[in-house]
Amino acid sequence: PHKSAPAYPGTCRELSRAQRTERARGGR
């Protein structure tokens, strides 16, 4: 709801360094 497709919603735009490190551990 309240999201307009198909634009990228900016999920990773403002990740902190710690959040990026955690995402990187996922292996993708």
PDB file of all heavy atoms in Angstrom:
ATOM      1  N   PRO A   1       0.826  -1.214   0.000  1.00  0.00           N
ATOM      2  CA  PRO A   1       0.000   0.000   0.000  1.00  0.00           C
ATOM      3  C   PRO A   1       0.857   1.261   0.000  1.00  0.00           C
ATOM      4  O   PRO A   1       1.906   1.315   0.648  1.00  0.00           O
ATOM      5  CB  PRO A   1      -0.801  -0.123   1.306  1.00  0.00           C
ATOM      6  CG  PRO A   1      -0.844  -1.591   1.578  1.00  0.00           C
ATOM      7  CD  PRO A   1       0.459  -2.139   1.092  1.00  0.00           C
ATOM      8  N   HIS A   2       0.385   2.268  -0.745  1.00  0.00           N
ATOM      9  CA  HIS A   2       1.030   3.577  -0.836  1.00  0.00           C
ATOM     10  C   HIS A   2       2.352   3.543  -1.599  1.00  0.00           C
ATOM     11  O   HIS A   2       3.096   4.514  -1.575  1.00  0.00           O
ATOM     12  CB  HIS A   2       1.265   4.193   0.559  1.00  0.00           C
ATOM     13  CG  HIS A   2       0.046   4.139   1.425  1.00  0.00           C
ATOM     14  ND1 HIS A   2      -1.141   4.748   1.093  1.00  0.00           N
ATOM     15  CD2 HIS A   2      -0.176   3.515   2.626  1.00  0.00           C
ATOM     16  CE1 HIS A   2      -2.041   4.528   2.055  1.00  0.00           C
ATOM     17  NE2 HIS A   2      -1.479   3.779   2.983  1.00  0.00           N
ATOM     18  N   LYS A   3       2.656   2.447  -2.255  1.00  0.00           N
ATOM     19  CA  LYS A   3       3.848   2.368  -3.089  1.00  0.00           C
ATOM     20  C   LYS A   3       3.427   2.389  -4.552  1.00  0.00           C
ATOM     21  O   LYS A   3       2.478   1.715  -4.949  1.00  0.00           O
ATOM     22  CB  LYS A   3       4.645   1.078  -2.806  1.00  0.00           C
ATOM     23  CG  LYS A   3       5.241   1.023  -1.405  1.00  0.00           C
ATOM     24  CD  LYS A   3       6.357   2.034  -1.223  1.00  0.00           C
ATOM     25  CE  LYS A   3       7.019   1.869   0.140  1.00  0.00           C
ATOM     26  NZ  LYS A   3       8.102   2.836   0.336  1.00  0.00           N
ATOM     27  N   SER A   4       4.129   3.149  -5.368  1.00  0.00           N
ATOM     28  CA  SER A   4       3.766   3.240  -6.789  1.00  0.00           C
ATOM     29  C   SER A   4       4.737   2.411  -7.610  1.00  0.00           C
ATOM     30  O   SER A   4       5.910   2.709  -7.692  1.00  0.00           O
ATOM     31  CB  SER A   4       3.821   4.706  -7.260  1.00  0.00           C
ATOM     32  OG  SER A   4       5.095   5.259  -7.024  1.00  0.00           O
ATOM     33  N   ALA A   5       4.286   1.307  -8.181  1.00  0.00           N
ATOM     34  CA  ALA A   5       5.116   0.472  -9.044  1.00  0.00           C
ATOM     35  C   ALA A   5       5.333   1.210 -10.366  1.00  0.00           C
ATOM     36  O   ALA A   5       4.520   2.029 -10.770  1.00  0.00           O
ATOM     37  CB  ALA A   5       4.423  -0.870  -9.266  1.00  0.00           C
ATOM     38  N   PRO A   6       6.426   0.915 -11.078  1.00  0.00           N
ATOM     39  CA  PRO A   6       7.434  -0.090 -10.773  1.00  0.00           C
ATOM     40  C   PRO A   6       8.729   0.488 -10.223  1.00  0.00           C
ATOM     41  O   PRO A   6       9.767  -0.150 -10.273  1.00  0.00           O
ATOM     42  CB  PRO A   6       7.681  -0.701 -12.155  1.00  0.00           C
ATOM     43  CG  PRO A   6       7.567   0.498 -13.067  1.00  0.00           C
ATOM     44  CD  PRO A   6       6.541   1.417 -12.450  1.00  0.00           C
ATOM     45  N   ALA A   7       8.734   1.727  -9.735  1.00  0.00           N
ATOM     46  CA  ALA A   7       9.970   2.355  -9.293  1.00  0.00           C
ATOM     47  C   ALA A   7      10.608   1.599  -8.135  1.00  0.00           C
ATOM     48  O   ALA A   7       9.917   1.040  -7.283  1.00  0.00           O
ATOM     49  CB  ALA A   7       9.697   3.796  -8.883  1.00  0.00           C
ATOM     50  N   TYR A   8      11.943   1.607  -8.127  1.00  0.00           N
ATOM     51  CA  TYR A   8      12.653   1.011  -7.000  1.00  0.00           C
ATOM     52  C   TYR A   8      12.337   1.821  -5.742  1.00  0.00           C
ATOM     53  O   TYR A   8      12.438   3.054  -5.754  1.00  0.00           O
ATOM     54  CB  TYR A   8      14.157   1.008  -7.283  1.00  0.00           C
ATOM     55  CG  TYR A   8      14.977   0.514  -6.117  1.00  0.00           C
ATOM     56  CD1 TYR A   8      14.933  -0.815  -5.744  1.00  0.00           C
ATOM     57  CD2 TYR A   8      15.774   1.388  -5.371  1.00  0.00           C
ATOM     58  CE1 TYR A   8      15.662  -1.283  -4.669  1.00  0.00           C
ATOM     59  CE2 TYR A   8      16.515   0.929  -4.296  1.00  0.00           C
ATOM     60  CZ  TYR A   8      16.453  -0.401  -3.950  1.00  0.00           C
ATOM     61  OH  TYR A   8      17.181  -0.855  -2.876  1.00  0.00           O
ATOM     62  N   PRO A   9      11.948   1.162  -4.645  1.00  0.00           N
ATOM     63  CA  PRO A   9      11.480   1.891  -3.468  1.00  0.00           C
ATOM     64  C   PRO A   9      12.575   2.472  -2.583  1.00  0.00           C
ATOM     65  O   PRO A   9      12.277   3.071  -1.551  1.00  0.00           O
ATOM     66  CB  PRO A   9      10.682   0.833  -2.709  1.00  0.00           C
ATOM     67  CG  PRO A   9      11.348  -0.456  -3.055  1.00  0.00           C
ATOM     68  CD  PRO A   9      11.785  -0.302  -4.506  1.00  0.00           C
ATOM     69  N   GLY A  10      13.843   2.290  -2.942  1.00  0.00           N
ATOM     70  CA  GLY A  10      14.924   2.894  -2.157  1.00  0.00           C
ATOM     71  C   GLY A  10      15.314   2.116  -0.920  1.00  0.00           C
ATOM     72  O   GLY A  10      15.888   2.678   0.025  1.00  0.00           O
ATOM     73  N   THR A  11      15.016   0.817  -0.911  1.00  0.00           N
ATOM     74  CA  THR A  11      15.248  -0.010   0.272  1.00  0.00           C
ATOM     75  C   THR A  11      16.679   0.081   0.786  1.00  0.00           C
ATOM     76  O   THR A  11      16.917   0.170   1.997  1.00  0.00           O
ATOM     77  CB  THR A  11      14.909  -1.482  -0.053  1.00  0.00           C
ATOM     78  OG1 THR A  11      13.597  -1.547  -0.606  1.00  0.00           O
ATOM     79  CG2 THR A  11      15.000  -2.352   1.186  1.00  0.00           C
ATOM     80  N   CYS A  12      17.656   0.061  -0.115  1.00  0.00           N
ATOM     81  CA  CYS A  12      19.066   0.024   0.296  1.00  0.00           C
ATOM     82  C   CYS A  12      19.754   1.390   0.236  1.00  0.00           C
ATOM     83  O   CYS A  12      20.953   1.487   0.496  1.00  0.00           O
ATOM     84  CB  CYS A  12      19.844  -0.957  -0.576  1.00  0.00           C
ATOM     85  SG  CYS A  12      19.338  -2.684  -0.380  1.00  0.00           S
ATOM     86  N   ARG A  13      18.990   2.441  -0.093  1.00  0.00           N
ATOM     87  CA  ARG A  13      19.614   3.747  -0.354  1.00  0.00           C
ATOM     88  C   ARG A  13      20.332   4.309   0.872  1.00  0.00           C
ATOM     89  O   ARG A  13      21.415   4.861   0.775  1.00  0.00           O
ATOM     90  CB  ARG A  13      18.561   4.738  -0.843  1.00  0.00           C
ATOM     91  CG  ARG A  13      19.147   6.090  -1.244  1.00  0.00           C
ATOM     92  CD  ARG A  13      18.062   7.086  -1.585  1.00  0.00           C
ATOM     93  NE  ARG A  13      17.271   6.633  -2.717  1.00  0.00           N
ATOM     94  CZ  ARG A  13      15.947   6.557  -2.721  1.00  0.00           C
ATOM     95  NH1 ARG A  13      15.259   6.871  -1.633  1.00  0.00           N
ATOM     96  NH2 ARG A  13      15.315   6.143  -3.796  1.00  0.00           N
ATOM     97  N   GLU A  14      19.722   4.178   2.035  1.00  0.00           N
ATOM     98  CA  GLU A  14      20.276   4.802   3.232  1.00  0.00           C
ATOM     99  C   GLU A  14      20.712   3.786   4.283  1.00  0.00           C
ATOM    100  O   GLU A  14      20.692   4.071   5.480  1.00  0.00           O
ATOM    101  CB  GLU A  14      19.256   5.775   3.836  1.00  0.00           C
ATOM    102  CG  GLU A  14      18.754   6.842   2.879  1.00  0.00           C
ATOM    103  CD  GLU A  14      19.866   7.727   2.334  1.00  0.00           C
ATOM    104  OE1 GLU A  14      20.930   7.834   2.983  1.00  0.00           O
ATOM    105  OE2 GLU A  14      19.676   8.312   1.244  1.00  0.00           O
ATOM    106  N   LEU A  15      21.128   2.615   3.866  1.00  0.00           N
ATOM    107  CA  LEU A  15      21.610   1.623   4.825  1.00  0.00           C
ATOM    108  C   LEU A  15      22.866   2.128   5.524  1.00  0.00           C
ATOM    109  O   LEU A  15      23.734   2.744   4.919  1.00  0.00           O
ATOM    110  CB  LEU A  15      21.921   0.305   4.117  1.00  0.00           C
ATOM    111  CG  LEU A  15      20.761  -0.493   3.513  1.00  0.00           C
ATOM    112  CD1 LEU A  15      21.296  -1.768   2.881  1.00  0.00           C
ATOM    113  CD2 LEU A  15      19.698  -0.808   4.552  1.00  0.00           C
ATOM    114  N   SER A  16      22.957   1.839   6.794  1.00  0.00           N
ATOM    115  CA  SER A  16      24.178   2.165   7.531  1.00  0.00           C
ATOM    116  C   SER A  16      25.271   1.173   7.166  1.00  0.00           C
ATOM    117  O   SER A  16      25.008   0.134   6.552  1.00  0.00           O
ATOM    118  CB  SER A  16      23.902   2.117   9.034  1.00  0.00           C
ATOM    119  OG  SER A  16      23.614   0.785   9.428  1.00  0.00           O
ATOM    120  N   ARG A  17      26.488   1.472   7.595  1.00  0.00           N
ATOM    121  CA  ARG A  17      27.588   0.545   7.325  1.00  0.00           C
ATOM    122  C   ARG A  17      27.308  -0.811   7.966  1.00  0.00           C
ATOM    123  O   ARG A  17      27.564  -1.865   7.370  1.00  0.00           O
ATOM    124  CB  ARG A  17      28.894   1.124   7.861  1.00  0.00           C
ATOM    125  CG  ARG A  17      30.100   0.233   7.595  1.00  0.00           C
ATOM    126  CD  ARG A  17      31.384   0.900   8.045  1.00  0.00           C
ATOM    127  NE  ARG A  17      31.640   2.133   7.300  1.00  0.00           N
ATOM    128  CZ  ARG A  17      32.701   2.903   7.502  1.00  0.00           C
ATOM    129  NH1 ARG A  17      33.593   2.577   8.428  1.00  0.00           N
ATOM    130  NH2 ARG A  17      32.862   3.998   6.796  1.00  0.00           N
ATOM    131  N   ALA A  18      26.758  -0.792   9.185  1.00  0.00           N
ATOM    132  CA  ALA A  18      26.457  -2.043   9.870  1.00  0.00           C
ATOM    133  C   ALA A  18      25.381  -2.828   9.129  1.00  0.00           C
ATOM    134  O   ALA A  18      25.460  -4.058   9.003  1.00  0.00           O
ATOM    135  CB  ALA A  18      26.007  -1.759  11.306  1.00  0.00           C
ATOM    136  N   GLN A  19      24.381  -2.130   8.628  1.00  0.00           N
ATOM    137  CA  GLN A  19      23.320  -2.800   7.877  1.00  0.00           C
ATOM    138  C   GLN A  19      23.851  -3.401   6.576  1.00  0.00           C
ATOM    139  O   GLN A  19      23.454  -4.496   6.182  1.00  0.00           O
ATOM    140  CB  GLN A  19      22.188  -1.820   7.587  1.00  0.00           C
ATOM    141  CG  GLN A  19      21.366  -1.449   8.814  1.00  0.00           C
ATOM    142  CD  GLN A  19      20.384  -0.337   8.527  1.00  0.00           C
ATOM    143  OE1 GLN A  19      20.718   0.648   7.848  1.00  0.00           O
ATOM    144  NE2 GLN A  19      19.169  -0.461   9.051  1.00  0.00           N
ATOM    145  N   ARG A  20      24.747  -2.701   5.929  1.00  0.00           N
ATOM    146  CA  ARG A  20      25.338  -3.238   4.700  1.00  0.00           C
ATOM    147  C   ARG A  20      26.172  -4.470   4.995  1.00  0.00           C
ATOM    148  O   ARG A  20      26.163  -5.444   4.233  1.00  0.00           O
ATOM    149  CB  ARG A  20      26.175  -2.166   4.008  1.00  0.00           C
ATOM    150  CG  ARG A  20      25.339  -1.075   3.358  1.00  0.00           C
ATOM    151  CD  ARG A  20      26.195  -0.018   2.716  1.00  0.00           C
ATOM    152  NE  ARG A  20      25.362   1.023   2.106  1.00  0.00           N
ATOM    153  CZ  ARG A  20      25.815   2.147   1.603  1.00  0.00           C
ATOM    154  NH1 ARG A  20      27.125   2.404   1.636  1.00  0.00           N
ATOM    155  NH2 ARG A  20      24.989   3.031   1.080  1.00  0.00           N
ATOM    156  N   THR A  21      26.899  -4.430   6.093  1.00  0.00           N
ATOM    157  CA  THR A  21      27.704  -5.592   6.490  1.00  0.00           C
ATOM    158  C   THR A  21      26.811  -6.794   6.739  1.00  0.00           C
ATOM    159  O   THR A  21      27.103  -7.918   6.312  1.00  0.00           O
ATOM    160  CB  THR A  21      28.533  -5.273   7.743  1.00  0.00           C
ATOM    161  OG1 THR A  21      29.408  -4.185   7.466  1.00  0.00           O
ATOM    162  CG2 THR A  21      29.349  -6.488   8.175  1.00  0.00           C
ATOM    163  N   GLU A  22      25.684  -6.544   7.399  1.00  0.00           N
ATOM    164  CA  GLU A  22      24.741  -7.616   7.687  1.00  0.00           C
ATOM    165  C   GLU A  22      24.140  -8.167   6.393  1.00  0.00           C
ATOM    166  O   GLU A  22      24.014  -9.391   6.222  1.00  0.00           O
ATOM    167  CB  GLU A  22      23.634  -7.092   8.595  1.00  0.00           C
ATOM    168  CG  GLU A  22      22.593  -8.132   8.979  1.00  0.00           C
ATOM    169  CD  GLU A  22      23.183  -9.278   9.803  1.00  0.00           C
ATOM    170  OE1 GLU A  22      24.201  -9.058  10.483  1.00  0.00           O
ATOM    171  OE2 GLU A  22      22.618 -10.388   9.747  1.00  0.00           O
ATOM    172  N   ARG A  23      23.784  -7.296   5.467  1.00  0.00           N
ATOM    173  CA  ARG A  23      23.239  -7.748   4.184  1.00  0.00           C
ATOM    174  C   ARG A  23      24.276  -8.570   3.414  1.00  0.00           C
ATOM    175  O   ARG A  23      23.947  -9.565   2.776  1.00  0.00           O
ATOM    176  CB  ARG A  23      22.813  -6.544   3.337  1.00  0.00           C
ATOM    177  CG  ARG A  23      21.599  -5.791   3.850  1.00  0.00           C
ATOM    178  CD  ARG A  23      20.327  -6.619   3.695  1.00  0.00           C
ATOM    179  NE  ARG A  23      19.133  -5.856   4.000  1.00  0.00           N
ATOM    180  CZ  ARG A  23      18.309  -5.354   3.099  1.00  0.00           C
ATOM    181  NH1 ARG A  23      18.552  -5.524   1.815  1.00  0.00           N
ATOM    182  NH2 ARG A  23      17.233  -4.693   3.467  1.00  0.00           N
ATOM    183  N   ALA A  24      25.526  -8.124   3.457  1.00  0.00           N
ATOM    184  CA  ALA A  24      26.580  -8.820   2.722  1.00  0.00           C
ATOM    185  C   ALA A  24      26.781 -10.235   3.237  1.00  0.00           C
ATOM    186  O   ALA A  24      27.179 -11.131   2.483  1.00  0.00           O
ATOM    187  CB  ALA A  24      27.884  -8.037   2.807  1.00  0.00           C
ATOM    188  N   ARG A  25      26.499 -10.456   4.510  1.00  0.00           N
ATOM    189  CA  ARG A  25      26.647 -11.791   5.077  1.00  0.00           C
ATOM    190  C   ARG A  25      25.669 -12.777   4.471  1.00  0.00           C
ATOM    191  O   ARG A  25      25.850 -13.990   4.568  1.00  0.00           O
ATOM    192  CB  ARG A  25      26.450 -11.736   6.598  1.00  0.00           C
ATOM    193  CG  ARG A  25      27.627 -11.101   7.342  1.00  0.00           C
ATOM    194  CD  ARG A  25      27.333 -11.016   8.820  1.00  0.00           C
ATOM    195  NE  ARG A  25      28.416 -10.328   9.531  1.00  0.00           N
ATOM    196  CZ  ARG A  25      28.277  -9.664  10.665  1.00  0.00           C
ATOM    197  NH1 ARG A  25      27.069  -9.600  11.238  1.00  0.00           N
ATOM    198  NH2 ARG A  25      29.306  -9.078  11.239  1.00  0.00           N
ATOM    199  N   GLY A  26      24.616 -12.262   3.853  1.00  0.00           N
ATOM    200  CA  GLY A  26      23.656 -13.155   3.223  1.00  0.00           C
ATOM    201  C   GLY A  26      24.200 -13.851   1.994  1.00  0.00           C
ATOM    202  O   GLY A  26      23.601 -14.802   1.505  1.00  0.00           O
ATOM    203  N   GLY A  27      25.338 -13.362   1.472  1.00  0.00           N
ATOM    204  CA  GLY A  27      25.995 -14.029   0.357  1.00  0.00           C
ATOM    205  C   GLY A  27      25.582 -13.551  -1.022  1.00  0.00           C
ATOM    206  O   GLY A  27      26.158 -13.997  -2.021  1.00  0.00           O
ATOM    207  N   ARG A  28      24.598 -12.642  -1.107  1.00  0.00           N
ATOM    208  CA  ARG A  28      24.179 -12.156  -2.416  1.00  0.00           C
ATOM    209  C   ARG A  28      25.041 -10.968  -2.816  1.00  0.00           C
ATOM    210  O   ARG A  28      25.041  -9.946  -2.127  1.00  0.00           O
ATOM    211  CB  ARG A  28      22.719 -11.732  -2.407  1.00  0.00           C
ATOM    212  CG  ARG A  28      22.251 -11.201  -3.775  1.00  0.00           C
ATOM    213  CD  ARG A  28      20.851 -10.604  -3.712  1.00  0.00           C
ATOM    214  NE  ARG A  28      19.869 -11.623  -3.385  1.00  0.00           N
ATOM    215  CZ  ARG A  28      18.988 -11.507  -2.402  1.00  0.00           C
ATOM    216  NH1 ARG A  28      18.980 -10.435  -1.631  1.00  0.00           N
ATOM    217  NH2 ARG A  28      18.121 -12.475  -2.175  1.00  0.00           N
TER     218      ARG A  28
END
